[in-house]
Amino acid sequence: MSRYEKAAAVAVAVMLVAGAAIFFFAPTDALQGPVQRIFYLHVSSAIAAYGCFAVVLVGGIIYLRNESLVADRFARAGALVGLIFTTVTLVMGMLWAKPIWGTFWTWDARLTSTLVLWIIYAGYLLVRRMAEPGRQAARFAAVVGIFGFIDVPVVHFSVTWWRTQHPGPVIVNDALPPSMLATFFFTMACTIVLAAVLIAIRWRIETLTDERQHIAQPATIVAPREAEPVR
């Protein structure tokens, strides 16, 4: 078993423990009922997505500075994993919204800005897939990833900057009892571990892909010039 397989097994194990904590340790919310349990994975996935997009940001900055292929691969890996966790965030939020708000979607500031975040990094991955691999595509994608990160604080602070339907920050407001708070922090830590492992695995895949493309490129053979006849 490789180190990546071991890391993946650990990540799956801790997520299973987090799931057990959500359903068997955390109490049922008195107002929202069982649907409130979505909160633990919903918010944890959003925070994991922030971390993934921070990897894209740092990787893009490093690549623009010294064209490090390692940084570029981390940026690509972070964008894909971040997009996955943003998708989980949106889906979990919609599943919670239906019984609480009576609808799966509303054009709330938090929801809209999160959707914009998803579109930005989906566009980042589309650029990487459609463009010819090379320095120009990597530089352009790095710029997209750097400026796209501007939406991360917009998403995070949208509930305090604007009047929204989305619930406010319950963690900083100390609105959760100790058992719920402990479950949240544990789930968040497990989700971040999972995100880190996925980035590492994806980085390895990107490395192998780059190496295979480099090997597949035919070498350019320069034919020797024919000797000019002696006059």
C-alpha atoms as a PDB file:
ATOM      1  CA  MET A   1       0.000   0.000   0.000  1.00  0.00           C
ATOM      2  CA  SER A   2       1.462   3.353  -1.060  1.00  0.00           C
ATOM      3  CA  ARG A   3       1.576   6.390   1.189  1.00  0.00           C
ATOM      4  CA  TYR A   4      -1.239   7.968  -0.817  1.00  0.00           C
ATOM      5  CA  GLU A   5      -3.441   4.938  -0.283  1.00  0.00           C
ATOM      6  CA  LYS A   6      -2.651   4.982   3.433  1.00  0.00           C
ATOM      7  CA  ALA A   7      -3.460   8.694   3.636  1.00  0.00           C
ATOM      8  CA  ALA A   8      -6.733   8.133   1.772  1.00  0.00           C
ATOM      9  CA  ALA A   9      -7.673   5.325   4.161  1.00  0.00           C
ATOM     10  CA  VAL A  10      -6.984   7.560   7.156  1.00  0.00           C
ATOM     11  CA  ALA A  11      -9.028  10.392   5.644  1.00  0.00           C
ATOM     12  CA  VAL A  12     -12.002   8.093   5.012  1.00  0.00           C
ATOM     13  CA  ALA A  13     -11.741   6.690   8.538  1.00  0.00           C
ATOM     14  CA  VAL A  14     -11.759  10.099  10.227  1.00  0.00           C
ATOM     15  CA  MET A  15     -14.714  11.208   8.096  1.00  0.00           C
ATOM     16  CA  LEU A  16     -16.641   8.119   9.205  1.00  0.00           C
ATOM     17  CA  VAL A  17     -15.875   9.010  12.823  1.00  0.00           C
ATOM     18  CA  ALA A  18     -17.043  12.572  12.134  1.00  0.00           C
ATOM     19  CA  GLY A  19     -20.277  11.190  10.702  1.00  0.00           C
ATOM     20  CA  ALA A  20     -20.804   9.114  13.819  1.00  0.00           C
ATOM     21  CA  ALA A  21     -20.239  12.195  15.966  1.00  0.00           C
ATOM     22  CA  ILE A  22     -22.780  14.164  13.928  1.00  0.00           C
ATOM     23  CA  PHE A  23     -25.531  11.562  14.306  1.00  0.00           C
ATOM     24  CA  PHE A  24     -24.797  10.024  17.696  1.00  0.00           C
ATOM     25  CA  PHE A  25     -22.929  12.609  19.781  1.00  0.00           C
ATOM     26  CA  ALA A  26     -24.389  15.967  18.780  1.00  0.00           C
ATOM     27  CA  PRO A  27     -27.890  16.565  20.149  1.00  0.00           C
ATOM     28  CA  THR A  28     -30.873  17.220  17.904  1.00  0.00           C
ATOM     29  CA  ASP A  29     -31.586  20.908  17.472  1.00  0.00           C
ATOM     30  CA  ALA A  30     -34.767  21.940  19.288  1.00  0.00           C
ATOM     31  CA  LEU A  31     -35.933  24.323  16.542  1.00  0.00           C
ATOM     32  CA  GLN A  32     -34.756  22.821  13.238  1.00  0.00           C
ATOM     33  CA  GLY A  33     -34.801  19.158  14.172  1.00  0.00           C
ATOM     34  CA  PRO A  34     -32.616  16.521  12.445  1.00  0.00           C
ATOM     35  CA  VAL A  35     -32.052  18.677   9.340  1.00  0.00           C
ATOM     36  CA  GLN A  36     -29.760  20.888  11.418  1.00  0.00           C
ATOM     37  CA  ARG A  37     -27.150  18.107  11.299  1.00  0.00           C
ATOM     38  CA  ILE A  38     -26.416  19.171   7.720  1.00  0.00           C
ATOM     39  CA  PHE A  39     -24.774  22.258   9.228  1.00  0.00           C
ATOM     40  CA  TYR A  40     -21.669  20.360  10.359  1.00  0.00           C
ATOM     41  CA  LEU A  41     -20.671  19.120   6.897  1.00  0.00           C
ATOM     42  CA  HIS A  42     -22.066  22.166   5.088  1.00  0.00           C
ATOM     43  CA  VAL A  43     -19.914  24.702   6.920  1.00  0.00           C
ATOM     44  CA  SER A  44     -16.896  22.388   7.138  1.00  0.00           C
ATOM     45  CA  SER A  45     -16.972  21.880   3.368  1.00  0.00           C
ATOM     46  CA  ALA A  46     -17.102  25.629   2.819  1.00  0.00           C
ATOM     47  CA  ILE A  47     -14.044  26.157   5.033  1.00  0.00           C
ATOM     48  CA  ALA A  48     -12.200  23.336   3.253  1.00  0.00           C
ATOM     49  CA  ALA A  49     -13.023  25.002  -0.067  1.00  0.00           C
ATOM     50  CA  TYR A  50     -11.558  28.284   1.215  1.00  0.00           C
ATOM     51  CA  GLY A  51      -8.345  26.447   2.054  1.00  0.00           C
ATOM     52  CA  CYS A  52      -8.209  24.811  -1.376  1.00  0.00           C
ATOM     53  CA  PHE A  53      -8.628  28.133  -3.141  1.00  0.00           C
ATOM     54  CA  ALA A  54      -5.904  29.590  -0.918  1.00  0.00           C
ATOM     55  CA  VAL A  55      -3.647  26.867  -2.356  1.00  0.00           C
ATOM     56  CA  VAL A  56      -4.617  28.063  -5.848  1.00  0.00           C
ATOM     57  CA  LEU A  57      -3.820  31.638  -4.830  1.00  0.00           C
ATOM     58  CA  VAL A  58      -0.384  30.836  -3.393  1.00  0.00           C
ATOM     59  CA  GLY A  59       0.437  28.450  -6.224  1.00  0.00           C
ATOM     60  CA  GLY A  60      -0.474  31.066  -8.810  1.00  0.00           C
ATOM     61  CA  ILE A  61       1.623  33.763  -7.144  1.00  0.00           C
ATOM     62  CA  ILE A  62       4.649  31.469  -6.922  1.00  0.00           C
ATOM     63  CA  TYR A  63       4.257  30.389 -10.532  1.00  0.00           C
ATOM     64  CA  LEU A  64       4.070  33.975 -11.803  1.00  0.00           C
ATOM     65  CA  ARG A  65       7.182  34.780  -9.802  1.00  0.00           C
ATOM     66  CA  ASN A  66       9.500  31.907 -10.731  1.00  0.00           C
ATOM     67  CA  GLU A  67       7.441  29.579 -12.988  1.00  0.00           C
ATOM     68  CA  SER A  68       7.595  26.699 -10.528  1.00  0.00           C
ATOM     69  CA  LEU A  69       5.898  23.647 -12.035  1.00  0.00           C
ATOM     70  CA  VAL A  70       5.369  22.225  -8.552  1.00  0.00           C
ATOM     71  CA  ALA A  71       3.390  25.336  -7.550  1.00  0.00           C
ATOM     72  CA  ASP A  72       1.370  25.192 -10.748  1.00  0.00           C
ATOM     73  CA  ARG A  73       0.452  21.555 -10.108  1.00  0.00           C
ATOM     74  CA  PHE A  74      -0.643  22.381  -6.575  1.00  0.00           C
ATOM     75  CA  ALA A  75      -2.787  25.199  -7.966  1.00  0.00           C
ATOM     76  CA  ARG A  76      -4.452  22.825 -10.417  1.00  0.00           C
ATOM     77  CA  ALA A  77      -5.031  20.261  -7.674  1.00  0.00           C
ATOM     78  CA  GLY A  78      -6.397  22.854  -5.264  1.00  0.00           C
ATOM     79  CA  ALA A  79      -8.826  24.215  -7.854  1.00  0.00           C
ATOM     80  CA  LEU A  80     -10.342  20.808  -8.573  1.00  0.00           C
ATOM     81  CA  VAL A  81     -10.660  19.775  -4.924  1.00  0.00           C
ATOM     82  CA  GLY A  82     -11.973  23.219  -3.986  1.00  0.00           C
ATOM     83  CA  LEU A  83     -14.614  22.982  -6.698  1.00  0.00           C
ATOM     84  CA  ILE A  84     -15.713  19.611  -5.299  1.00  0.00           C
ATOM     85  CA  PHE A  85     -16.089  20.997  -1.786  1.00  0.00           C
ATOM     86  CA  THR A  86     -17.907  24.074  -3.086  1.00  0.00           C
ATOM     87  CA  THR A  87     -20.334  21.737  -4.842  1.00  0.00           C
ATOM     88  CA  VAL A  88     -20.859  19.839  -1.588  1.00  0.00           C
ATOM     89  CA  THR A  89     -21.443  23.158   0.177  1.00  0.00           C
ATOM     90  CA  LEU A  90     -24.088  24.223  -2.336  1.00  0.00           C
ATOM     91  CA  VAL A  91     -25.855  20.859  -2.344  1.00  0.00           C
ATOM     92  CA  MET A  92     -25.884  20.577   1.457  1.00  0.00           C
ATOM     93  CA  GLY A  93     -27.178  24.129   1.708  1.00  0.00           C
ATOM     94  CA  MET A  94     -29.995  23.396  -0.727  1.00  0.00           C
ATOM     95  CA  LEU A  95     -30.976  20.247   1.179  1.00  0.00           C
ATOM     96  CA  TRP A  96     -31.143  22.313   4.365  1.00  0.00           C
ATOM     97  CA  ALA A  97     -32.993  25.210   2.733  1.00  0.00           C
ATOM     98  CA  LYS A  98     -35.912  23.172   1.391  1.00  0.00           C
ATOM     99  CA  PRO A  99     -37.429  22.200   4.777  1.00  0.00           C
ATOM    100  CA  ILE A 100     -36.376  25.433   6.504  1.00  0.00           C
ATOM    101  CA  TRP A 101     -37.073  28.073   3.828  1.00  0.00           C
ATOM    102  CA  GLY A 102     -39.554  26.089   1.761  1.00  0.00           C
ATOM    103  CA  THR A 103     -37.369  26.322  -1.359  1.00  0.00           C
ATOM    104  CA  PHE A 104     -34.091  24.855  -2.545  1.00  0.00           C
ATOM    105  CA  TRP A 105     -32.707  28.161  -3.781  1.00  0.00           C
ATOM    106  CA  THR A 106     -33.067  31.872  -3.228  1.00  0.00           C
ATOM    107  CA  TRP A 107     -30.886  34.623  -4.653  1.00  0.00           C
ATOM    108  CA  ASP A 108     -29.488  35.433  -1.246  1.00  0.00           C
ATOM    109  CA  ALA A 109     -26.116  37.226  -1.062  1.00  0.00           C
ATOM    110  CA  ARG A 110     -24.385  34.213   0.502  1.00  0.00           C
ATOM    111  CA  LEU A 111     -25.832  31.721  -1.963  1.00  0.00           C
ATOM    112  CA  THR A 112     -25.250  33.941  -4.990  1.00  0.00           C
ATOM    113  CA  SER A 113     -21.646  34.753  -4.097  1.00  0.00           C
ATOM    114  CA  THR A 114     -20.964  31.042  -3.468  1.00  0.00           C
ATOM    115  CA  LEU A 115     -22.376  30.191  -6.885  1.00  0.00           C
ATOM    116  CA  VAL A 116     -20.138  32.864  -8.416  1.00  0.00           C
ATOM    117  CA  LEU A 117     -17.169  31.277  -6.622  1.00  0.00           C
ATOM    118  CA  TRP A 118     -18.072  27.909  -8.148  1.00  0.00           C
ATOM    119  CA  ILE A 119     -18.299  29.454 -11.619  1.00  0.00           C
ATOM    120  CA  ILE A 120     -14.920  31.202 -11.261  1.00  0.00           C
ATOM    121  CA  TYR A 121     -12.997  28.060 -10.416  1.00  0.00           C
ATOM    122  CA  ALA A 122     -14.954  25.953 -12.881  1.00  0.00           C
ATOM    123  CA  GLY A 123     -13.760  28.508 -15.436  1.00  0.00           C
ATOM    124  CA  TYR A 124     -10.216  28.111 -14.115  1.00  0.00           C
ATOM    125  CA  LEU A 125     -10.346  24.361 -14.724  1.00  0.00           C
ATOM    126  CA  LEU A 126     -11.956  24.896 -18.130  1.00  0.00           C
ATOM    127  CA  VAL A 127      -9.054  27.159 -19.117  1.00  0.00           C
ATOM    128  CA  ARG A 128      -6.560  24.483 -18.066  1.00  0.00           C
ATOM    129  CA  ARG A 129      -8.412  21.823 -20.033  1.00  0.00           C
ATOM    130  CA  MET A 130      -9.125  23.779 -23.230  1.00  0.00           C
ATOM    131  CA  ALA A 131      -5.869  25.698 -23.576  1.00  0.00           C
ATOM    132  CA  GLU A 132      -2.747  24.166 -25.051  1.00  0.00           C
ATOM    133  CA  PRO A 133      -0.552  23.020 -22.132  1.00  0.00           C
ATOM    134  CA  GLY A 134       2.371  25.304 -21.591  1.00  0.00           C
ATOM    135  CA  ARG A 135       3.656  28.503 -20.069  1.00  0.00           C
ATOM    136  CA  GLN A 136       1.006  30.815 -21.519  1.00  0.00           C
ATOM    137  CA  ALA A 137      -1.937  28.729 -20.287  1.00  0.00           C
ATOM    138  CA  ALA A 138      -0.363  28.368 -16.841  1.00  0.00           C
ATOM    139  CA  ARG A 139       0.223  32.114 -16.513  1.00  0.00           C
ATOM    140  CA  PHE A 140      -3.303  32.983 -17.621  1.00  0.00           C
ATOM    141  CA  ALA A 141      -4.814  30.424 -15.252  1.00  0.00           C
ATOM    142  CA  ALA A 142      -2.665  31.755 -12.403  1.00  0.00           C
ATOM    143  CA  VAL A 143      -4.115  35.234 -12.948  1.00  0.00           C
ATOM    144  CA  VAL A 144      -7.658  33.811 -12.942  1.00  0.00           C
ATOM    145  CA  GLY A 145      -6.958  31.903  -9.733  1.00  0.00           C
ATOM    146  CA  ILE A 146      -5.459  34.935  -7.996  1.00  0.00           C
ATOM    147  CA  PHE A 147      -8.261  37.342  -8.857  1.00  0.00           C
ATOM    148  CA  GLY A 148     -10.884  34.654  -8.273  1.00  0.00           C
ATOM    149  CA  PHE A 149      -9.828  34.429  -4.633  1.00  0.00           C
ATOM    150  CA  ILE A 150     -11.279  37.918  -4.123  1.00  0.00           C
ATOM    151  CA  ASP A 151     -14.694  36.265  -3.969  1.00  0.00           C
ATOM    152  CA  VAL A 152     -13.707  34.105  -0.982  1.00  0.00           C
ATOM    153  CA  PRO A 153     -13.928  36.934   1.610  1.00  0.00           C
ATOM    154  CA  VAL A 154     -17.057  38.173  -0.165  1.00  0.00           C
ATOM    155  CA  VAL A 155     -18.692  34.782   0.423  1.00  0.00           C
ATOM    156  CA  HIS A 156     -17.481  34.575   4.008  1.00  0.00           C
ATOM    157  CA  PHE A 157     -18.508  38.079   5.111  1.00  0.00           C
ATOM    158  CA  SER A 158     -21.646  38.393   2.985  1.00  0.00           C
ATOM    159  CA  VAL A 159     -23.917  37.623   5.957  1.00  0.00           C
ATOM    160  CA  THR A 160     -22.400  40.522   7.908  1.00  0.00           C
ATOM    161  CA  TRP A 161     -21.933  42.995   5.055  1.00  0.00           C
ATOM    162  CA  TRP A 162     -25.488  42.673   3.757  1.00  0.00           C
ATOM    163  CA  ARG A 163     -28.890  41.842   5.101  1.00  0.00           C
ATOM    164  CA  THR A 164     -29.389  38.226   4.044  1.00  0.00           C
ATOM    165  CA  GLN A 165     -31.778  35.359   4.582  1.00  0.00           C
ATOM    166  CA  HIS A 166     -28.881  33.053   5.332  1.00  0.00           C
ATOM    167  CA  PRO A 167     -28.169  32.501   9.061  1.00  0.00           C
ATOM    168  CA  GLY A 168     -25.432  34.615  10.586  1.00  0.00           C
ATOM    169  CA  PRO A 169     -22.109  33.357  11.980  1.00  0.00           C
ATOM    170  CA  VAL A 170     -23.200  31.087  14.848  1.00  0.00           C
ATOM    171  CA  ILE A 171     -19.639  30.057  15.768  1.00  0.00           C
ATOM    172  CA  VAL A 172     -18.220  33.487  16.569  1.00  0.00           C
ATOM    173  CA  ASN A 173     -21.481  34.498  18.244  1.00  0.00           C
ATOM    174  CA  ASP A 174     -21.195  31.567  20.673  1.00  0.00           C
ATOM    175  CA  ALA A 175     -24.686  30.372  19.675  1.00  0.00           C
ATOM    176  CA  LEU A 176     -23.969  26.642  19.935  1.00  0.00           C
ATOM    177  CA  PRO A 177     -23.923  24.468  23.059  1.00  0.00           C
ATOM    178  CA  PRO A 178     -20.572  22.782  23.888  1.00  0.00           C
ATOM    179  CA  SER A 179     -21.486  19.382  22.414  1.00  0.00           C
ATOM    180  CA  MET A 180     -22.525  20.921  19.079  1.00  0.00           C
ATOM    181  CA  LEU A 181     -19.461  23.147  19.020  1.00  0.00           C
ATOM    182  CA  ALA A 182     -17.140  20.217  19.699  1.00  0.00           C
ATOM    183  CA  THR A 183     -18.814  18.187  16.940  1.00  0.00           C
ATOM    184  CA  PHE A 184     -18.427  21.062  14.506  1.00  0.00           C
ATOM    185  CA  PHE A 185     -14.731  21.607  15.190  1.00  0.00           C
ATOM    186  CA  PHE A 186     -14.054  17.878  14.965  1.00  0.00           C
ATOM    187  CA  THR A 187     -15.942  17.595  11.671  1.00  0.00           C
ATOM    188  CA  MET A 188     -14.142  20.650  10.330  1.00  0.00           C
ATOM    189  CA  ALA A 189     -10.734  19.177  11.222  1.00  0.00           C
ATOM    190  CA  CYS A 190     -11.621  15.854   9.577  1.00  0.00           C
ATOM    191  CA  THR A 191     -12.879  17.620   6.445  1.00  0.00           C
ATOM    192  CA  ILE A 192      -9.684  19.664   6.175  1.00  0.00           C
ATOM    193  CA  VAL A 193      -7.651  16.448   6.487  1.00  0.00           C
ATOM    194  CA  LEU A 194      -9.714  14.935   3.675  1.00  0.00           C
ATOM    195  CA  ALA A 195      -9.171  18.026   1.516  1.00  0.00           C
ATOM    196  CA  ALA A 196      -5.411  17.949   2.130  1.00  0.00           C
ATOM    197  CA  VAL A 197      -5.216  14.266   1.200  1.00  0.00           C
ATOM    198  CA  LEU A 198      -7.243  14.837  -1.972  1.00  0.00           C
ATOM    199  CA  ILE A 199      -4.965  17.707  -2.982  1.00  0.00           C
ATOM    200  CA  ALA A 200      -1.890  15.549  -2.418  1.00  0.00           C
ATOM    201  CA  ILE A 201      -3.356  12.718  -4.505  1.00  0.00           C
ATOM    202  CA  ARG A 202      -4.429  15.091  -7.253  1.00  0.00           C
ATOM    203  CA  TRP A 203      -0.998  16.753  -7.227  1.00  0.00           C
ATOM    204  CA  ARG A 204       0.551  13.338  -7.808  1.00  0.00           C
ATOM    205  CA  ILE A 205      -1.821  12.719 -10.708  1.00  0.00           C
ATOM    206  CA  GLU A 206      -0.963  16.116 -12.219  1.00  0.00           C
ATOM    207  CA  THR A 207       2.759  15.311 -11.881  1.00  0.00           C
ATOM    208  CA  LEU A 208       2.398  11.964 -13.644  1.00  0.00           C
ATOM    209  CA  THR A 209       0.273  13.578 -16.356  1.00  0.00           C
ATOM    210  CA  ASP A 210       2.883  16.263 -17.012  1.00  0.00           C
ATOM    211  CA  GLU A 211       5.643  13.684 -17.146  1.00  0.00           C
ATOM    212  CA  ARG A 212       3.687  11.522 -19.580  1.00  0.00           C
ATOM    213  CA  GLN A 213       2.967  14.497 -21.837  1.00  0.00           C
ATOM    214  CA  HIS A 214       6.628  15.466 -21.758  1.00  0.00           C
ATOM    215  CA  ILE A 215       7.677  11.965 -22.778  1.00  0.00           C
ATOM    216  CA  ALA A 216       5.019  11.797 -25.492  1.00  0.00           C
ATOM    217  CA  GLN A 217       6.223  14.978 -27.157  1.00  0.00           C
ATOM    218  CA  PRO A 218       8.298  14.011 -30.182  1.00  0.00           C
ATOM    219  CA  ALA A 219      11.825  15.262 -30.134  1.00  0.00           C
ATOM    220  CA  THR A 220      12.641  17.791 -32.796  1.00  0.00           C
ATOM    221  CA  ILE A 221      15.451  16.482 -34.955  1.00  0.00           C
ATOM    222  CA  VAL A 222      17.362  19.065 -36.895  1.00  0.00           C
ATOM    223  CA  ALA A 223      18.675  17.621 -40.115  1.00  0.00           C
ATOM    224  CA  PRO A 224      22.285  18.477 -40.865  1.00  0.00           C
ATOM    225  CA  ARG A 225      22.850  20.961 -43.607  1.00  0.00           C
ATOM    226  CA  GLU A 226      24.206  19.557 -46.800  1.00  0.00           C
ATOM    227  CA  ALA A 227      27.702  20.595 -47.590  1.00  0.00           C
ATOM    228  CA  GLU A 228      27.882  23.218 -50.283  1.00  0.00           C
ATOM    229  CA  PRO A 229      29.710  22.104 -53.391  1.00  0.00           C
ATOM    230  CA  VAL A 230      33.232  23.436 -53.789  1.00  0.00           C
ATOM    231  CA  ARG A 231      33.474  25.869 -56.600  1.00  0.00           C
END
